[in-house]
């Protein structure tokens, strides 16, 4: 987590009359959440609404599922595995939520209390309990006798008098205690708390001498089931960024239409034809059907997005459409759009500062994460064969969607991918600056102030 003040920001206008980089306004707030389900950003490769056949019974099971729900292995983070209770009293993992966590965060919690964190948990879903996993690369090195196996006799070696190590671990323990008390005030039980380091993990409230190899979590019964179901967490969040095909493959994909470019109007007509099928993918609680998204991403659809991303106003209109919650692009209205009608609507509202205030991330409405995630994955399906001329903009739009859900990690990686292609891209630069300074979307304004 960068050692800078963190604030919340909103874009006061993103209409066609002003550049992205001039659109900042400040709101006091600090936090850097990224989560795997509503109302925070999620990167899960398996929906936790699909119950596993294997019941999580051990610490290895709990720690083992975290990379699968986030989609990558977290670093320097506090991850909450949130448990919900159904009407029949059955308990299941409802979602996971990740926030940046370092000694600065711990010190703030000890000084100010853990209410801001409990607000995040309570806002994520109806929680009855929480497991906490602190990912800290330094924790294991600070343990007594870190140079030997933690399960050996302390008398065999190790320096237990390292004052800094004790103070550091005590600070982290105190912060977790504050969080547990704040959660308890809300009627949410802290069911367990572990540290996770490079090779081992153990209980935060333990003596530091007993820990378990992380490999045991990676091969636990629950993790094994997830892997068998196709889950494959990336080593880092950066690896989740969608990548284009090779130049040769791109040329081959356009072989029969190399000189064909659609107009923006034609592009919106194609999107209006695709839209009803896209909406059907957002209905219900089932995981996003990626095979169906791939079927939607025909060459005509790809070329339609190429055209729309070519202008700022049409790009903004596409963002409004793919968030599925913009009042000027309601599902019922868009389903009725005939030829030319979506284009005219996009021209009107894509240039409107008033409509910009209702864009996801700028509106004070909490977005429905599964809808925005569908927009993200629709554009991720576009990236491989999308035109190089607008690829940086496509990355920036995905980054905006990630940021609008509170997902700083993926937002930063996608924005950086855009800047790698166009170092002066204003929207990608805006998002990078937002993440690095801790600016958050406006809908997070009700959350109590975190560290900062």
Protein backbone atom coordinates (compact mmCIF):
# COMPACT_ATOMS: atom_id res chain seq x y z
CA UNK A 1 0.00 0.00 0.00
CA UNK A 2 1.58 3.31 -1.02
CA UNK A 3 2.61 5.56 1.85
CA UNK A 4 0.44 8.46 0.70
CA UNK A 5 -2.81 10.00 1.94
CA UNK A 6 -5.86 8.27 0.54
CA UNK A 7 -9.00 10.04 -0.50
CA UNK A 8 -12.13 9.36 -2.41
CA UNK A 9 -12.68 11.03 -5.74
CA UNK A 10 -15.42 11.47 -8.22
CA UNK A 11 -15.28 12.66 -11.79
CA UNK A 12 -17.33 15.84 -11.87
CA UNK A 13 -17.88 15.51 -15.57
CA UNK A 14 -16.72 13.17 -18.28
CA UNK A 15 -18.73 14.69 -21.11
CA UNK A 16 -17.20 15.28 -24.52
CA UNK A 17 -16.37 18.88 -23.70
CA UNK A 18 -13.53 18.12 -21.29
CA UNK A 19 -10.51 15.81 -21.08
CA UNK A 20 -10.47 12.91 -18.61
CA UNK A 21 -7.46 14.29 -16.78
CA UNK A 22 -9.30 17.45 -15.71
CA UNK A 23 -12.25 15.72 -14.12
CA UNK A 24 -11.30 15.27 -10.46
CA UNK A 25 -13.13 16.29 -7.33
CA UNK A 26 -12.22 15.10 -3.83
CA UNK A 27 -14.12 13.26 -1.13
CA UNK A 28 -12.49 12.36 2.17
CA UNK A 29 -12.02 8.61 2.55
CA UNK A 30 -9.29 6.08 2.63
CA UNK A 31 -9.32 2.35 1.90
CA UNK A 32 -8.22 0.13 -0.96
CA UNK A 33 -10.72 -2.70 -1.19
CA UNK A 34 -10.78 -5.44 -3.71
CA UNK A 35 -13.16 -8.27 -3.24
CA UNK A 36 -14.52 -11.31 -4.94
CA UNK A 37 -18.21 -10.52 -4.79
CA UNK A 38 -20.63 -7.71 -4.16
CA UNK A 39 -20.28 -4.94 -3.48
CA UNK A 40 -16.56 -5.06 -4.21
CA UNK A 41 -14.60 -6.10 -7.26
CA UNK A 42 -14.25 -9.83 -7.76
CA UNK A 43 -11.92 -11.99 -9.80
CA UNK A 44 -13.14 -15.43 -8.87
CA UNK A 45 -12.82 -18.21 -11.41
CA UNK A 46 -15.49 -20.26 -9.68
CA UNK A 47 -18.70 -18.88 -8.26
CA UNK A 48 -19.02 -19.45 -4.54
CA UNK A 49 -22.77 -19.63 -5.04
CA UNK A 50 -21.98 -23.08 -6.46
CA UNK A 51 -21.44 -25.00 -3.21
CA UNK A 52 -18.44 -27.30 -3.10
CA UNK A 53 -19.16 -30.94 -2.44
CA UNK A 54 -16.33 -30.94 0.09
CA UNK A 55 -17.06 -29.22 3.40
CA UNK A 56 -14.31 -26.93 4.67
CA UNK A 57 -13.28 -28.44 7.99
CA UNK A 58 -9.69 -27.37 8.54
CA UNK A 59 -7.51 -24.29 8.46
CA UNK A 60 -5.85 -25.79 5.39
CA UNK A 61 -9.24 -25.81 3.63
CA UNK A 62 -9.94 -22.17 4.50
CA UNK A 63 -6.51 -20.87 3.46
CA UNK A 64 -6.56 -23.13 0.41
CA UNK A 65 -9.66 -21.60 -1.17
CA UNK A 66 -8.53 -17.95 -0.99
CA UNK A 67 -6.45 -17.88 -4.21
CA UNK A 68 -9.30 -19.58 -6.05
CA UNK A 69 -11.89 -17.03 -4.99
CA UNK A 70 -9.67 -14.05 -5.79
CA UNK A 71 -8.21 -15.65 -8.91
CA UNK A 72 -4.64 -14.93 -7.81
CA UNK A 73 -2.35 -15.24 -4.80
CA UNK A 74 -2.65 -12.04 -2.71
CA UNK A 75 0.33 -10.17 -1.26
CA UNK A 76 0.51 -7.81 1.73
CA UNK A 77 -3.23 -8.11 2.23
CA UNK A 78 -5.90 -8.87 4.78
CA UNK A 79 -8.44 -11.25 3.30
CA UNK A 80 -11.79 -11.87 4.93
CA UNK A 81 -13.53 -15.14 4.10
CA UNK A 82 -17.08 -14.16 4.93
CA UNK A 83 -19.55 -16.78 6.14
CA UNK A 84 -23.29 -16.42 5.69
CA UNK A 85 -26.08 -18.35 7.39
CA UNK A 86 -29.20 -19.37 5.47
CA UNK A 87 -32.77 -19.66 6.73
CA UNK A 88 -32.21 -23.27 7.76
CA UNK A 89 -29.12 -22.45 9.77
CA UNK A 90 -26.71 -23.82 7.19
CA UNK A 91 -23.45 -21.93 6.79
CA UNK A 92 -21.44 -21.34 3.65
CA UNK A 93 -18.71 -19.06 2.34
CA UNK A 94 -20.63 -16.10 0.96
CA UNK A 95 -17.72 -14.11 -0.45
CA UNK A 96 -14.16 -12.99 0.15
CA UNK A 97 -12.92 -9.43 0.55
CA UNK A 98 -9.33 -8.22 0.21
CA UNK A 99 -7.80 -4.97 1.45
CA UNK A 100 -4.23 -3.72 1.42
CA UNK A 101 -2.66 -4.28 4.84
CA UNK A 102 0.71 -3.24 6.24
CA UNK A 103 2.08 -1.92 9.54
CA UNK A 104 0.65 1.52 8.80
CA UNK A 105 -2.79 -0.04 8.46
CA UNK A 106 -2.32 -2.02 11.67
CA UNK A 107 -1.20 1.08 13.58
CA UNK A 108 -4.22 3.03 12.37
CA UNK A 109 -6.61 0.28 13.46
CA UNK A 110 -5.02 0.09 16.90
CA UNK A 111 -5.28 3.87 17.27
CA UNK A 112 -8.73 4.40 15.77
CA UNK A 113 -10.50 1.05 16.11
CA UNK A 114 -11.68 -1.44 13.54
CA UNK A 115 -15.11 -0.03 12.78
CA UNK A 116 -14.18 1.05 9.24
CA UNK A 117 -13.22 -2.55 8.48
CA UNK A 118 -16.38 -3.95 10.02
CA UNK A 119 -18.31 -1.50 7.82
CA UNK A 120 -16.69 -3.08 4.77
CA UNK A 121 -17.61 -6.58 5.91
CA UNK A 122 -21.18 -5.62 6.73
CA UNK A 123 -21.51 -3.89 3.37
CA UNK A 124 -20.27 -6.90 1.42
CA UNK A 125 -23.10 -9.28 2.30
CA UNK A 126 -25.20 -10.58 5.19
CA UNK A 127 -22.39 -11.98 7.31
CA UNK A 128 -22.65 -14.17 10.40
CA UNK A 129 -18.95 -14.94 10.73
CA UNK A 130 -15.54 -14.14 9.27
CA UNK A 131 -12.25 -15.98 8.86
CA UNK A 132 -9.29 -13.60 8.53
CA UNK A 133 -6.10 -14.38 6.61
CA UNK A 134 -3.23 -11.89 6.82
CA UNK A 135 -0.85 -12.22 3.87
CA UNK A 136 2.45 -10.77 5.08
CA UNK A 137 5.76 -11.72 3.47
CA UNK A 138 7.68 -10.52 6.55
CA UNK A 139 5.64 -12.30 9.22
CA UNK A 140 7.42 -15.64 9.03
CA UNK A 141 10.84 -13.99 9.14
CA UNK A 142 9.86 -12.18 12.33
CA UNK A 143 8.87 -15.36 14.14
CA UNK A 144 11.00 -16.67 17.00
CA UNK A 145 13.67 -18.97 15.62
CA UNK A 146 12.82 -18.17 12.02
CA UNK A 147 16.05 -19.78 10.92
CA UNK A 148 14.87 -23.23 12.02
CA UNK A 149 11.74 -25.30 11.59
CA UNK A 150 8.91 -23.72 13.61
CA UNK A 151 7.78 -27.10 14.92
CA UNK A 152 11.14 -27.94 16.58
CA UNK A 153 12.09 -27.45 20.20
CA UNK A 154 12.74 -23.75 20.92
CA UNK A 155 15.78 -24.76 22.94
CA UNK A 156 17.51 -25.89 19.74
CA UNK A 157 18.09 -22.35 18.58
CA UNK A 158 16.63 -19.08 17.51
CA UNK A 159 16.67 -15.63 18.98
CA UNK A 160 13.47 -14.98 20.94
CA UNK A 161 14.70 -11.60 22.08
CA UNK A 162 14.28 -9.69 18.84
CA UNK A 163 12.37 -6.70 20.18
CA UNK A 164 11.30 -5.41 16.78
CA UNK A 165 9.81 -8.77 15.83
CA UNK A 166 7.81 -8.93 19.03
CA UNK A 167 6.56 -5.36 18.69
CA UNK A 168 5.62 -5.94 15.07
CA UNK A 169 3.68 -9.11 15.78
CA UNK A 170 2.02 -7.58 18.84
CA UNK A 171 0.88 -4.63 16.73
CA UNK A 172 -0.67 -6.96 14.16
CA UNK A 173 -2.34 -9.02 16.90
CA UNK A 174 -3.73 -5.87 18.50
CA UNK A 175 -5.12 -4.72 15.15
CA UNK A 176 -6.83 -8.07 14.58
CA UNK A 177 -8.27 -7.88 18.11
CA UNK A 178 -9.70 -4.43 17.33
CA UNK A 179 -11.27 -5.77 14.15
CA UNK A 180 -12.73 -8.74 16.02
CA UNK A 181 -14.27 -6.45 18.63
CA UNK A 182 -15.76 -4.18 15.97
CA UNK A 183 -17.20 -7.18 14.16
CA UNK A 184 -18.55 -8.53 17.44
CA UNK A 185 -20.39 -5.26 18.00
CA UNK A 186 -22.25 -6.03 14.77
CA UNK A 187 -23.01 -9.59 15.81
CA UNK A 188 -20.41 -11.02 13.42
CA UNK A 189 -18.14 -13.70 14.89
CA UNK A 190 -14.43 -13.85 14.10
CA UNK A 191 -14.09 -17.58 13.52
CA UNK A 192 -10.33 -17.68 13.10
CA UNK A 193 -7.34 -15.54 12.13
CA UNK A 194 -4.16 -16.73 10.45
CA UNK A 195 -0.96 -15.25 9.09
CA UNK A 196 0.18 -16.47 5.68
CA UNK A 197 3.78 -15.97 4.64
CA UNK A 198 5.97 -17.20 1.80
CA UNK A 199 6.11 -20.87 2.79
CA UNK A 200 4.03 -21.37 5.93
CA UNK A 201 0.93 -20.20 7.77
CA UNK A 202 -0.23 -20.25 11.37
CA UNK A 203 -2.62 -18.74 13.88
CA UNK A 204 -2.12 -15.08 14.68
CA UNK A 205 -3.03 -15.73 18.31
CA UNK A 206 -0.57 -18.65 18.49
CA UNK A 207 2.87 -18.72 20.08
CA UNK A 208 4.64 -18.36 16.75
CA UNK A 209 6.37 -21.71 17.17
CA UNK A 210 3.70 -23.80 15.47
CA UNK A 211 2.92 -23.37 11.79
CA UNK A 212 1.97 -25.40 8.75
CA UNK A 213 3.51 -25.64 5.31
CA UNK A 214 1.50 -23.60 2.81
CA UNK A 215 1.63 -26.58 0.50
CA UNK A 216 -0.82 -28.33 2.83
CA UNK A 217 -3.38 -25.59 2.11
CA UNK A 218 -2.73 -25.71 -1.64
CA UNK A 219 -3.44 -29.46 -1.61
CA UNK A 220 -6.30 -29.46 0.92
CA UNK A 221 -9.54 -31.26 0.14
CA UNK A 222 -11.35 -28.03 -0.79
CA UNK A 223 -8.51 -26.68 -2.92
CA UNK A 224 -8.20 -30.03 -4.68
CA UNK A 225 -11.89 -29.98 -5.58
CA UNK A 226 -11.61 -26.45 -6.94
CA UNK A 227 -8.58 -27.41 -9.03
CA UNK A 228 -10.40 -30.47 -10.35
CA UNK A 229 -13.23 -28.14 -11.37
CA UNK A 230 -10.87 -26.08 -13.51
CA UNK A 231 -9.75 -23.36 -11.11
CA UNK A 232 -6.16 -22.25 -11.65
CA UNK A 233 -5.15 -19.17 -9.63
CA UNK A 234 -2.54 -16.94 -11.20
CA UNK A 235 0.71 -16.28 -9.38
CA UNK A 236 -0.12 -12.57 -9.44
CA UNK A 237 -3.00 -10.32 -10.43
CA UNK A 238 -1.04 -9.04 -13.43
CA UNK A 239 -1.30 -12.44 -15.07
CA UNK A 240 -5.10 -12.04 -15.25
CA UNK A 241 -4.87 -9.18 -17.75
CA UNK A 242 -6.34 -10.26 -21.11
CA UNK A 243 -3.79 -10.25 -23.92
CA UNK A 244 -4.11 -9.87 -27.70
CA UNK A 245 -3.29 -12.52 -30.27
CA UNK A 246 -0.11 -12.17 -32.30
CA UNK A 247 0.07 -9.68 -35.16
CA UNK A 248 -0.04 -12.57 -37.65
CA UNK A 249 -3.14 -14.04 -36.03
CA UNK A 250 -4.79 -10.63 -36.01
CA UNK A 251 -4.10 -10.14 -39.71
CA UNK A 252 -5.45 -13.60 -40.43
CA UNK A 253 -8.66 -12.85 -38.52
CA UNK A 254 -9.26 -9.80 -40.74
CA UNK A 255 -8.17 -11.42 -43.98
CA UNK A 256 -11.56 -11.09 -45.66
CA UNK A 257 -12.24 -7.57 -44.42
CA UNK A 258 -8.84 -5.94 -44.11
CA UNK A 259 -10.05 -2.69 -45.68
CA UNK A 260 -13.43 -2.64 -43.94
CA UNK A 261 -14.13 -0.22 -41.10
CA UNK A 262 -17.56 0.14 -39.56
CA UNK A 263 -18.99 3.54 -38.72
CA UNK A 264 -19.91 4.30 -35.12
CA UNK A 265 -23.57 4.18 -36.11
CA UNK A 266 -23.14 0.71 -37.59
CA UNK A 267 -21.28 -0.31 -34.46
CA UNK A 268 -24.15 0.69 -32.19
CA UNK A 269 -26.62 -1.14 -34.44
CA UNK A 270 -24.62 -4.34 -33.94
CA UNK A 271 -24.42 -3.78 -30.19
CA UNK A 272 -28.20 -3.29 -30.07
CA UNK A 273 -28.59 -6.70 -31.76
CA UNK A 274 -26.18 -8.37 -29.33
CA UNK A 275 -27.54 -6.63 -26.22
CA UNK A 276 -30.61 -8.85 -25.49
CA UNK A 277 -28.41 -11.97 -25.51
CA UNK A 278 -25.88 -10.21 -23.28
CA UNK A 279 -28.62 -9.25 -20.82
CA UNK A 280 -29.76 -12.86 -20.59
CA UNK A 281 -26.27 -13.78 -19.40
CA UNK A 282 -26.69 -11.34 -16.50
CA UNK A 283 -29.93 -12.88 -15.27
CA UNK A 284 -30.00 -15.32 -12.38
CA UNK A 285 -27.24 -16.27 -9.97
CA UNK A 286 -25.30 -18.65 -12.19
CA UNK A 287 -21.64 -17.95 -12.98
CA UNK A 288 -20.93 -15.99 -16.14
CA UNK A 289 -21.08 -18.29 -19.16
CA UNK A 290 -17.76 -17.56 -20.84
CA UNK A 291 -18.50 -19.89 -23.74
CA UNK A 292 -21.61 -17.85 -24.50
CA UNK A 293 -19.57 -14.63 -24.34
CA UNK A 294 -17.13 -16.10 -26.84
CA UNK A 295 -20.02 -16.93 -29.18
CA UNK A 296 -21.23 -13.34 -28.96
CA UNK A 297 -17.80 -11.99 -29.86
CA UNK A 298 -18.08 -12.52 -33.61
CA UNK A 299 -15.90 -10.54 -36.00
CA UNK A 300 -18.84 -8.17 -36.57
CA UNK A 301 -19.12 -7.57 -32.82
CA UNK A 302 -15.37 -7.04 -32.53
CA UNK A 303 -15.41 -4.51 -35.37
CA UNK A 304 -18.41 -2.76 -33.82
CA UNK A 305 -16.47 -2.25 -30.59
CA UNK A 306 -13.44 -1.11 -32.62
CA UNK A 307 -15.55 1.68 -34.08
CA UNK A 308 -17.24 2.69 -30.82
CA UNK A 309 -13.97 2.92 -28.90
CA UNK A 310 -12.60 5.32 -31.50
CA UNK A 311 -14.32 8.41 -30.06
CA UNK A 312 -14.58 9.59 -26.46
CA UNK A 313 -18.35 10.20 -26.46
CA UNK A 314 -19.12 6.79 -27.96
CA UNK A 315 -16.66 5.13 -25.58
CA UNK A 316 -18.46 6.72 -22.63
CA UNK A 317 -21.80 5.58 -24.02
CA UNK A 318 -20.48 2.02 -24.27
CA UNK A 319 -19.44 2.20 -20.61
CA UNK A 320 -22.95 3.32 -19.70
CA UNK A 321 -24.43 0.43 -21.68
CA UNK A 322 -22.13 -2.28 -20.31
CA UNK A 323 -22.64 -1.31 -16.66
CA UNK A 324 -26.30 -2.35 -17.11
CA UNK A 325 -27.51 0.18 -14.54
CA UNK A 326 -27.34 3.60 -16.22
CA UNK A 327 -30.75 5.34 -16.10
CA UNK A 328 -30.39 6.63 -19.67
CA UNK A 329 -29.58 3.15 -20.98
CA UNK A 330 -32.09 0.97 -19.15
CA UNK A 331 -32.46 -2.64 -20.19
CA UNK A 332 -36.08 -2.19 -21.22
CA UNK A 333 -35.27 0.81 -23.44
CA UNK A 334 -32.27 -0.82 -25.09
CA UNK A 335 -34.13 -4.03 -25.85
CA UNK A 336 -36.59 -1.96 -27.91
CA UNK A 337 -33.94 -0.09 -29.91
CA UNK A 338 -34.30 -0.43 -33.67
CA UNK A 339 -31.74 0.51 -36.32
CA UNK A 340 -30.17 3.88 -35.59
CA UNK A 341 -31.94 4.35 -32.25
CA UNK A 342 -29.11 3.27 -29.96
CA UNK A 343 -26.72 5.46 -31.94
CA UNK A 344 -28.95 8.50 -31.45
CA UNK A 345 -29.30 7.74 -27.75
CA UNK A 346 -25.53 7.35 -27.45
CA UNK A 347 -24.93 10.67 -29.22
CA UNK A 348 -27.26 12.41 -26.80
CA UNK A 349 -26.04 10.94 -23.53
CA UNK A 350 -22.42 10.13 -24.36
CA UNK A 351 -21.79 13.88 -24.61
CA UNK A 352 -23.89 14.83 -21.59
CA UNK A 353 -22.18 15.96 -18.35
CA UNK A 354 -25.43 15.16 -16.54
CA UNK A 355 -25.46 11.60 -17.86
CA UNK A 356 -21.80 11.25 -16.88
CA UNK A 357 -22.77 11.79 -13.23
CA UNK A 358 -24.73 8.52 -13.39
CA UNK A 359 -21.88 6.43 -14.77
CA UNK A 360 -20.76 3.51 -12.66
CA UNK A 361 -18.09 4.74 -10.26
CA UNK A 362 -19.29 8.34 -10.48
CA UNK A 363 -22.81 7.67 -9.25
CA UNK A 364 -23.52 7.27 -5.54
CA UNK A 365 -25.50 4.11 -6.39
CA UNK A 366 -23.75 0.91 -5.36
CA UNK A 367 -23.28 -1.11 -8.56
CA UNK A 368 -24.30 -4.72 -8.93
CA UNK A 369 -20.87 -6.37 -9.21
CA UNK A 370 -22.03 -9.32 -11.28
CA UNK A 371 -23.39 -6.93 -13.92
CA UNK A 372 -20.21 -4.87 -14.09
CA UNK A 373 -18.18 -8.08 -14.10
CA UNK A 374 -20.15 -9.19 -17.15
CA UNK A 375 -19.16 -5.94 -18.86
CA UNK A 376 -15.54 -6.57 -17.89
CA UNK A 377 -15.55 -10.11 -19.24
CA UNK A 378 -17.34 -9.02 -22.43
CA UNK A 379 -14.48 -6.60 -23.11
CA UNK A 380 -11.88 -9.16 -22.04
CA UNK A 381 -13.35 -11.45 -24.72
CA UNK A 382 -12.93 -8.58 -27.19
CA UNK A 383 -9.26 -7.85 -26.39
CA UNK A 384 -7.60 -10.79 -28.22
CA UNK A 385 -8.89 -9.81 -31.69
CA UNK A 386 -9.62 -6.12 -31.06
CA UNK A 387 -7.96 -3.54 -33.28
CA UNK A 388 -4.54 -2.32 -32.05
CA UNK A 389 -5.55 1.31 -32.65
CA UNK A 390 -8.09 1.22 -29.81
CA UNK A 391 -6.59 -1.49 -27.61
CA UNK A 392 -5.27 1.01 -25.06
CA UNK A 393 -8.78 2.46 -24.75
CA UNK A 394 -10.27 -1.01 -24.28
CA UNK A 395 -7.81 -1.65 -21.46
CA UNK A 396 -8.69 1.72 -19.91
CA UNK A 397 -12.42 0.97 -19.99
CA UNK A 398 -11.85 -2.36 -18.25
CA UNK A 399 -9.66 -0.56 -15.72
CA UNK A 400 -12.47 1.94 -15.11
CA UNK A 401 -14.94 -0.86 -14.46
CA UNK A 402 -12.51 -2.56 -12.08
CA UNK A 403 -11.92 0.72 -10.24
CA UNK A 404 -15.65 1.45 -10.09
CA UNK A 405 -16.10 -1.75 -8.07
CA UNK A 406 -13.35 -0.72 -5.66
CA UNK A 407 -10.79 -3.05 -7.21
CA UNK A 408 -7.51 -1.18 -7.07
CA UNK A 409 -5.29 -4.12 -8.02
CA UNK A 410 -6.84 -5.10 -11.36
CA UNK A 411 -7.66 -1.47 -12.16
CA UNK A 412 -3.99 -0.59 -11.89
CA UNK A 413 -2.84 -3.54 -13.99
CA UNK A 414 -5.33 -2.84 -16.78
CA UNK A 415 -4.59 0.88 -16.77
CA UNK A 416 -0.87 0.13 -16.95
CA UNK A 417 -1.50 -2.21 -19.88
CA UNK A 418 -3.14 0.74 -21.63
CA UNK A 419 -0.23 3.05 -20.84
CA UNK A 420 2.23 0.46 -22.13
CA UNK A 421 0.54 0.92 -25.52
CA UNK A 422 -0.08 4.67 -25.30
CA UNK A 423 1.96 6.53 -22.70
CA UNK A 424 -0.25 9.62 -23.05
CA UNK A 425 -3.63 7.88 -22.76
CA UNK A 426 -5.64 10.26 -20.56
CA UNK A 427 -8.16 7.77 -19.18
CA UNK A 428 -5.51 5.19 -18.29
CA UNK A 429 -3.44 7.93 -16.66
CA UNK A 430 -6.47 9.08 -14.67
CA UNK A 431 -7.01 5.59 -13.27
CA UNK A 432 -3.33 5.04 -12.45
CA UNK A 433 -3.31 8.32 -10.53
CA UNK A 434 -6.55 7.37 -8.78
CA UNK A 435 -5.14 4.05 -7.60
CA UNK A 436 -1.76 5.40 -6.57
CA UNK A 437 -3.36 8.17 -4.52
CA UNK A 438 -6.08 5.92 -3.11
CA UNK A 439 -9.05 7.67 -4.77
CA UNK A 440 -12.21 5.60 -4.57
CA UNK A 441 -15.53 5.60 -6.46
CA UNK A 442 -18.26 7.84 -5.14
CA UNK A 443 -20.58 5.03 -4.07
CA UNK A 444 -18.06 4.14 -1.36
CA UNK A 445 -18.60 7.54 0.28
CA UNK A 446 -20.93 6.11 3.01
CA UNK A 447 -18.18 3.75 4.21
CA UNK A 448 -16.43 5.05 7.30
CA UNK A 449 -12.95 6.37 6.87
CA UNK A 450 -10.18 3.81 6.91
CA UNK A 451 -6.46 4.42 7.33
CA UNK A 452 -5.21 7.75 6.07
